[in-house]
Amino acid sequence: MRKILLVTMYSDNNFGNRLQNYALQAVLTDMGYEVDNIKYDTHNALKEAASLFCKRMFRIFHIKFKSINGDYLNALVPRIKKFERFNDNYISNIINLHYFDTRLLNIDNYAFAVTGSDQVWHNWYNDTKEMDMFYLAFMPKEKRIAYAPSFGFSAFSEQDKMMHKKYLSGYEEGKISCREQTGTNIIKAAVGLYAPTVPDPTLLLEQADWRRLLKKPDYDLPAKYVLSYFLKEKRTFNTTEPIIEVCDYTQTKYFATSPDEFLWLVANTDHVYTNSFHACVFAILFHKDFTVYKKSNEDMFDRIQTLLNGTGLEQCIESDAHHNIDWEQVDAVVVKRREFGLDFLRDALQVEKS
């Protein structure tokens, strides 16, 4: 069986990240490939040494600095253990890399490498080694495929513009795509390549595929509840039902939730309140009413706007009322986009269409 190297962000604490990784792996496997997944650490030896030196100086001169919140760590440990269990059960052939170092990979083993989804081209650590890995610069040009990557911004910063242009020029047309329309526009303007806007990998699987993963949480739940999942902020909304909050670590019991338990919570809730792209995706797939809020001070809503356009779900933006959703219309749009995404991958991988 031919092999593919899947390069995406690897989180031990983010539901959407783990579930999109699983989804793309499942699709590639169904297309006849064995999939290897990269797990990387983000510890730069030089930066670590500098940090250690500073800490020693602080101790010598009795300078105090604030430590990480102990309550948060106590809540995080059981959550990470559940994520590890999910990865062990559902993410195949994990290859551990130290600080984005791809030099030990045997690239001759792989027919292709695929990068995406999530914000893999954001340059989070401001390091060329990070960009080398996520742009697949270590692979021959003809083996590079980008499926639904995201920049996480609407324009290049001036200092990073030439770097991104260099990396983007390493792709062949027909093997590069983007998750948001803004990303498609950025790529076209930067290097003249058409990168179609394709759906996130989570949308490539059907509801029945996701139902096979559902795992009821191991904590007590009310018979009826609404699900609250907000990243980087808290919101209030009008409801008379109990609220299950899976992102606020002070709600320790609910915070210790795994990706497959998160799926169960979405599939069984009355309403989802969120600012998360992937929470919207799974509300849509499970036919659940939802309300999505724009994140404060963040230019990131285009991915959600792209997701909702043409479905009639625009009514769910910042409106916590009950919404009259035409699920047949929504499903028709999702199916069309799913087939478009699958066709892109089949063409890029040169897989014969049925």
Protein backbone atom coordinates (compact mmCIF):
# COMPACT_ATOMS: atom_id res chain seq x y z
CA MET A 1 0.00 0.00 0.00
CA ARG A 2 1.30 3.47 -0.89
CA LYS A 3 1.98 5.84 1.96
CA ILE A 4 1.08 9.47 2.65
CA LEU A 5 2.59 11.78 5.23
CA LEU A 6 -0.07 13.95 6.86
CA VAL A 7 1.25 17.21 8.31
CA THR A 8 -1.14 19.23 10.44
CA MET A 9 -1.15 21.05 13.73
CA TYR A 10 -1.03 18.63 16.66
CA SER A 11 -2.90 19.66 19.78
CA ASP A 12 -3.43 17.77 23.03
CA ASN A 13 -6.23 20.14 24.04
CA ASN A 14 -8.31 21.23 21.03
CA PHE A 15 -11.33 19.25 19.82
CA GLY A 16 -11.48 20.62 16.28
CA ASN A 17 -7.79 20.02 15.67
CA ARG A 18 -7.93 16.34 16.61
CA LEU A 19 -11.19 15.69 14.76
CA GLN A 20 -10.06 17.32 11.51
CA ASN A 21 -6.85 15.26 11.72
CA TYR A 22 -8.92 12.09 12.11
CA ALA A 23 -11.23 13.06 9.25
CA LEU A 24 -8.51 13.72 6.69
CA GLN A 25 -6.71 10.54 7.73
CA ALA A 26 -9.95 8.58 7.26
CA VAL A 27 -10.53 10.02 3.78
CA LEU A 28 -6.95 9.35 2.65
CA THR A 29 -7.14 5.81 4.01
CA ASP A 30 -10.40 5.24 2.14
CA MET A 31 -8.62 6.37 -1.03
CA GLY A 32 -6.15 3.52 -0.61
CA TYR A 33 -3.24 5.09 1.28
CA GLU A 34 -1.52 4.21 4.54
CA VAL A 35 -1.24 7.44 6.54
CA ASP A 36 1.62 8.52 8.79
CA ASN A 37 0.96 11.47 11.12
CA ILE A 38 3.52 13.92 12.47
CA LYS A 39 3.58 14.87 16.13
CA TYR A 40 6.06 17.63 16.89
CA ASP A 41 7.21 19.46 19.96
CA THR A 42 7.72 23.22 19.95
CA HIS A 43 10.78 23.45 22.16
CA ASN A 44 13.65 25.27 20.51
CA ALA A 45 16.93 24.27 22.19
CA LEU A 46 18.47 27.76 21.90
CA LYS A 47 15.35 29.50 23.21
CA GLU A 48 15.10 26.97 26.05
CA ALA A 49 18.72 27.61 27.02
CA ALA A 50 18.12 31.38 27.02
CA SER A 51 14.96 30.95 29.10
CA LEU A 52 16.79 28.72 31.59
CA PHE A 53 19.60 31.30 31.90
CA CYS A 54 17.09 34.08 32.63
CA LYS A 55 15.32 31.99 35.25
CA ARG A 56 18.63 31.28 36.98
CA MET A 57 19.41 35.01 36.99
CA PHE A 58 15.99 35.71 38.48
CA ARG A 59 16.68 33.21 41.26
CA ILE A 60 20.15 34.58 41.94
CA PHE A 61 18.83 38.13 42.25
CA HIS A 62 15.63 37.04 44.05
CA ILE A 63 13.32 38.34 41.33
CA LYS A 64 9.86 36.78 41.55
CA PHE A 65 7.67 36.07 38.56
CA LYS A 66 4.16 34.70 38.31
CA SER A 67 3.82 30.93 37.87
CA ILE A 68 1.24 29.13 35.74
CA ASN A 69 -2.19 28.95 37.35
CA GLY A 70 -2.24 25.76 39.44
CA ASP A 71 -6.01 25.33 39.08
CA TYR A 72 -5.66 25.32 35.32
CA LEU A 73 -2.92 22.67 35.42
CA ASN A 74 -4.99 20.48 37.74
CA ALA A 75 -7.89 20.67 35.30
CA LEU A 76 -5.71 20.20 32.22
CA VAL A 77 -4.07 16.91 33.25
CA PRO A 78 -7.18 14.69 33.02
CA ARG A 79 -8.22 16.41 29.79
CA ILE A 80 -4.83 15.71 28.19
CA LYS A 81 -5.04 12.07 29.29
CA LYS A 82 -8.35 11.76 27.50
CA PHE A 83 -6.87 13.35 24.37
CA GLU A 84 -3.99 10.87 24.52
CA ARG A 85 -6.50 8.02 24.67
CA PHE A 86 -8.26 9.45 21.60
CA ASN A 87 -4.97 9.77 19.69
CA ASP A 88 -3.95 6.23 20.61
CA ASN A 89 -7.29 4.86 19.38
CA TYR A 90 -7.87 6.94 16.27
CA ILE A 91 -4.67 8.59 14.95
CA SER A 92 -2.43 6.15 13.10
CA ASN A 93 1.35 5.77 12.78
CA ILE A 94 2.44 8.80 14.80
CA ILE A 95 5.98 9.99 14.08
CA ASN A 96 7.56 12.17 16.77
CA LEU A 97 9.67 15.10 15.60
CA HIS A 98 11.72 17.49 17.71
CA TYR A 99 10.97 21.14 16.96
CA PHE A 100 9.71 20.72 13.39
CA ASP A 101 12.91 18.87 12.42
CA THR A 102 12.04 16.85 9.30
CA ARG A 103 15.60 15.78 8.47
CA LEU A 104 15.15 12.24 9.81
CA LEU A 105 12.07 11.58 7.67
CA ASN A 106 12.63 9.19 4.79
CA ILE A 107 10.76 11.10 2.10
CA ASP A 108 11.27 8.28 -0.41
CA ASN A 109 8.74 6.26 1.65
CA TYR A 110 5.90 8.58 0.65
CA ALA A 111 3.98 8.98 -2.57
CA PHE A 112 2.74 12.35 -1.30
CA ALA A 113 2.71 14.61 1.72
CA VAL A 114 -0.49 16.50 2.58
CA THR A 115 -0.59 19.63 4.72
CA GLY A 116 -3.79 20.98 6.27
CA SER A 117 -6.29 21.69 7.68
CA ASP A 118 -6.28 24.29 10.49
CA GLN A 119 -4.09 27.40 10.58
CA VAL A 120 -0.92 25.63 9.48
CA TRP A 121 0.33 28.64 7.50
CA HIS A 122 -0.02 31.20 10.27
CA ASN A 123 3.66 31.17 11.35
CA TRP A 124 2.77 30.81 15.02
CA TYR A 125 6.36 30.47 16.29
CA ASN A 126 7.94 32.94 13.86
CA ASP A 127 10.45 30.32 12.78
CA THR A 128 11.43 29.15 9.29
CA LYS A 129 11.67 25.53 10.53
CA GLU A 130 7.98 25.67 11.37
CA MET A 131 7.16 27.04 7.92
CA ASP A 132 9.46 24.51 6.21
CA MET A 133 7.44 21.71 7.78
CA PHE A 134 3.93 23.07 7.28
CA TYR A 135 4.58 24.22 3.71
CA LEU A 136 6.17 20.79 2.98
CA ALA A 137 9.40 22.40 1.77
CA PHE A 138 11.26 19.18 2.68
CA MET A 139 9.34 17.26 -0.01
CA PRO A 140 9.86 17.37 -3.80
CA LYS A 141 7.45 19.85 -5.37
CA GLU A 142 5.47 17.19 -7.21
CA LYS A 143 4.73 15.38 -3.92
CA ARG A 144 3.27 18.41 -2.10
CA ILE A 145 -0.50 18.71 -1.60
CA ALA A 146 -2.26 21.36 0.46
CA TYR A 147 -5.79 20.43 1.53
CA ALA A 148 -7.84 23.18 3.23
CA PRO A 149 -4.96 24.95 5.00
CA SER A 150 -5.68 28.28 6.62
CA PHE A 151 -3.59 31.38 7.29
CA GLY A 152 -5.70 32.68 10.17
CA PHE A 153 -5.42 36.25 8.86
CA SER A 154 -6.73 38.24 5.90
CA ALA A 155 -3.41 39.72 4.69
CA PHE A 156 0.30 39.01 5.02
CA SER A 157 2.27 41.11 7.45
CA GLU A 158 4.89 43.19 5.66
CA GLN A 159 7.82 41.32 7.25
CA ASP A 160 6.42 37.87 6.31
CA LYS A 161 5.16 38.63 2.79
CA MET A 162 8.22 37.47 0.84
CA MET A 163 8.60 34.35 2.98
CA HIS A 164 5.02 33.22 2.28
CA LYS A 165 5.41 33.98 -1.43
CA LYS A 166 8.53 31.80 -1.58
CA TYR A 167 6.77 28.87 0.08
CA LEU A 168 3.54 29.21 -1.92
CA SER A 169 5.49 29.14 -5.18
CA GLY A 170 6.54 25.60 -4.22
CA TYR A 171 3.11 24.22 -5.16
CA GLU A 172 1.73 23.08 -8.48
CA GLU A 173 -1.71 24.25 -9.55
CA GLY A 174 -4.25 21.53 -8.85
CA LYS A 175 -2.43 20.53 -5.67
CA ILE A 176 -3.08 23.63 -3.58
CA SER A 177 -6.36 24.66 -1.97
CA CYS A 178 -7.54 26.77 0.94
CA ARG A 179 -10.28 26.59 3.58
CA GLU A 180 -11.48 30.21 3.36
CA GLN A 181 -12.20 32.51 0.47
CA THR A 182 -9.79 35.10 1.90
CA GLY A 183 -7.02 32.50 1.72
CA THR A 184 -7.89 31.71 -1.89
CA ASN A 185 -7.64 35.44 -2.65
CA ILE A 186 -4.32 35.78 -0.80
CA ILE A 187 -2.73 32.92 -2.76
CA LYS A 188 -3.96 34.23 -6.12
CA ALA A 189 -2.62 37.72 -5.40
CA ALA A 190 0.71 36.43 -4.04
CA VAL A 191 1.77 33.86 -6.65
CA GLY A 192 -0.99 33.73 -9.27
CA LEU A 193 -2.11 30.19 -8.39
CA TYR A 194 -5.80 29.29 -8.27
CA ALA A 195 -6.38 27.57 -4.93
CA PRO A 196 -10.03 26.48 -4.72
CA THR A 197 -11.91 27.01 -1.48
CA VAL A 198 -12.56 23.48 -0.20
CA PRO A 199 -14.44 22.32 2.91
CA ASP A 200 -12.71 21.53 6.17
CA PRO A 201 -11.86 17.79 6.45
CA THR A 202 -14.53 17.33 9.14
CA LEU A 203 -17.16 18.01 6.46
CA LEU A 204 -15.78 15.27 4.21
CA LEU A 205 -17.27 12.63 6.53
CA GLU A 206 -21.00 12.08 6.88
CA GLN A 207 -23.02 12.14 10.09
CA ALA A 208 -23.08 8.32 10.14
CA ASP A 209 -19.25 8.25 10.03
CA TRP A 210 -19.05 10.52 13.06
CA ARG A 211 -21.72 8.60 14.98
CA ARG A 212 -19.39 5.60 15.04
CA LEU A 213 -17.02 7.64 17.23
CA LEU A 214 -19.55 8.90 19.78
CA LYS A 215 -18.56 8.23 23.38
CA LYS A 216 -20.80 9.24 26.26
CA PRO A 217 -18.85 11.31 28.82
CA ASP A 218 -17.94 9.58 32.07
CA TYR A 219 -19.52 12.33 34.20
CA ASP A 220 -23.18 12.87 35.12
CA LEU A 221 -25.28 14.90 32.72
CA PRO A 222 -28.78 16.37 32.96
CA ALA A 223 -31.45 14.89 30.70
CA LYS A 224 -31.62 18.15 28.74
CA TYR A 225 -28.81 20.71 28.37
CA VAL A 226 -27.24 23.28 26.09
CA LEU A 227 -23.58 23.11 25.10
CA SER A 228 -21.29 26.11 25.53
CA TYR A 229 -17.90 26.12 23.79
CA PHE A 230 -16.08 29.45 23.64
CA LEU A 231 -12.41 29.88 22.78
CA LYS A 232 -10.41 32.69 24.42
CA GLU A 233 -13.46 34.41 25.89
CA LYS A 234 -16.74 33.89 27.75
CA ARG A 235 -20.20 34.89 26.58
CA THR A 236 -23.61 35.03 28.21
CA PHE A 237 -26.78 33.97 26.43
CA ASN A 238 -30.45 33.45 27.21
CA THR A 239 -31.42 29.91 28.18
CA THR A 240 -33.39 28.19 30.93
CA GLU A 241 -31.64 24.84 30.46
CA PRO A 242 -28.50 23.62 32.29
CA ILE A 243 -25.28 24.71 30.58
CA ILE A 244 -22.46 22.27 29.88
CA GLU A 245 -19.26 24.34 29.45
CA VAL A 246 -16.39 22.29 28.03
CA CYS A 247 -13.84 25.05 27.46
CA ASP A 248 -13.83 26.86 30.82
CA TYR A 249 -11.30 25.04 33.02
CA THR A 250 -13.03 26.24 36.20
CA GLN A 251 -15.82 23.83 35.23
CA THR A 252 -13.37 21.03 35.98
CA LYS A 253 -15.75 18.11 35.50
CA TYR A 254 -16.85 19.19 32.03
CA PHE A 255 -13.43 20.49 31.03
CA ALA A 256 -12.10 16.91 31.18
CA THR A 257 -13.78 15.99 27.91
CA SER A 258 -12.24 14.06 25.02
CA PRO A 259 -12.86 14.71 21.30
CA ASP A 260 -15.22 11.72 20.95
CA GLU A 261 -17.07 12.80 24.11
CA PHE A 262 -17.37 16.28 22.63
CA LEU A 263 -19.04 14.72 19.59
CA TRP A 264 -21.53 12.94 21.88
CA LEU A 265 -22.32 16.21 23.65
CA VAL A 266 -23.04 17.96 20.34
CA ALA A 267 -25.12 15.06 19.06
CA ASN A 268 -27.31 15.08 22.17
CA THR A 269 -27.64 18.77 23.03
CA ASP A 270 -30.64 21.04 22.45
CA HIS A 271 -28.53 24.01 21.32
CA VAL A 272 -24.86 24.87 20.78
CA TYR A 273 -23.53 28.31 21.78
CA THR A 274 -20.05 28.95 20.45
CA ASN A 275 -17.46 31.11 18.71
CA SER A 276 -15.74 27.99 17.33
CA PHE A 277 -15.65 27.02 13.67
CA HIS A 278 -15.60 23.28 14.38
CA ALA A 279 -18.41 23.49 16.93
CA CYS A 280 -20.51 25.01 14.11
CA VAL A 281 -19.46 22.21 11.76
CA PHE A 282 -20.61 19.47 14.11
CA ALA A 283 -23.83 21.30 15.00
CA ILE A 284 -24.55 21.33 11.25
CA LEU A 285 -23.62 17.67 10.72
CA PHE A 286 -25.79 16.55 13.67
CA HIS A 287 -28.66 18.90 12.75
CA LYS A 288 -28.50 20.91 15.97
CA ASP A 289 -29.65 24.48 16.37
CA PHE A 290 -26.72 26.76 17.23
CA THR A 291 -25.67 30.33 17.83
CA VAL A 292 -22.24 31.51 16.70
CA TYR A 293 -20.63 34.71 17.98
CA LYS A 294 -17.81 36.69 16.43
CA LYS A 295 -14.66 36.63 18.54
CA SER A 296 -13.77 39.96 20.06
CA ASN A 297 -10.79 41.76 18.47
CA GLU A 298 -10.04 38.96 16.01
CA ASP A 299 -10.21 39.03 12.21
CA MET A 300 -11.13 35.37 11.86
CA PHE A 301 -14.83 35.21 11.06
CA ASP A 302 -14.34 34.55 7.34
CA ARG A 303 -13.98 30.80 7.90
CA ILE A 304 -17.38 30.69 9.62
CA GLN A 305 -18.93 33.03 7.03
CA THR A 306 -17.61 30.74 4.27
CA LEU A 307 -19.12 27.74 6.09
CA LEU A 308 -22.57 29.33 6.47
CA ASN A 309 -22.91 31.05 3.09
CA GLY A 310 -25.77 29.68 0.98
CA THR A 311 -27.12 27.36 3.67
CA GLY A 312 -29.66 29.67 5.27
CA LEU A 313 -27.69 29.36 8.52
CA GLU A 314 -26.66 33.00 8.45
CA GLN A 315 -29.62 33.48 10.81
CA CYS A 316 -27.58 31.71 13.53
CA ILE A 317 -24.99 34.49 13.74
CA GLU A 318 -25.23 36.25 17.13
CA SER A 319 -28.89 35.32 17.56
CA ASP A 320 -29.69 33.03 20.49
CA ALA A 321 -33.35 32.62 19.54
CA HIS A 322 -34.74 29.34 18.23
CA HIS A 323 -33.95 29.19 14.50
CA ASN A 324 -36.20 27.76 11.82
CA ILE A 325 -33.59 25.73 9.89
CA ASP A 326 -34.28 23.97 6.60
CA TRP A 327 -32.00 20.96 7.07
CA GLU A 328 -32.71 19.63 3.58
CA GLN A 329 -31.31 22.85 2.12
CA VAL A 330 -28.31 22.69 4.47
CA ASP A 331 -27.60 19.05 3.65
CA ALA A 332 -27.77 19.72 -0.09
CA VAL A 333 -25.10 22.43 0.24
CA VAL A 334 -22.92 20.24 2.47
CA VAL A 335 -23.11 17.27 0.07
CA LYS A 336 -22.16 19.47 -2.89
CA ARG A 337 -19.18 20.93 -1.03
CA ARG A 338 -18.16 17.48 0.24
CA GLU A 339 -18.02 16.10 -3.29
CA PHE A 340 -16.05 19.15 -4.44
CA GLY A 341 -13.46 18.56 -1.69
CA LEU A 342 -13.23 14.83 -2.37
CA ASP A 343 -12.83 15.47 -6.09
CA PHE A 344 -9.98 17.90 -5.39
CA LEU A 345 -8.17 15.24 -3.36
CA ARG A 346 -8.82 12.51 -5.94
CA ASP A 347 -7.39 14.71 -8.68
CA ALA A 348 -4.37 15.77 -6.62
CA LEU A 349 -3.64 12.17 -5.62
CA GLN A 350 -4.43 10.88 -9.11
CA VAL A 351 -7.06 8.53 -7.67
CA GLU A 352 -9.52 7.12 -10.17
CA LYS A 353 -13.05 8.45 -9.62
CA SER A 354 -15.90 5.99 -9.25
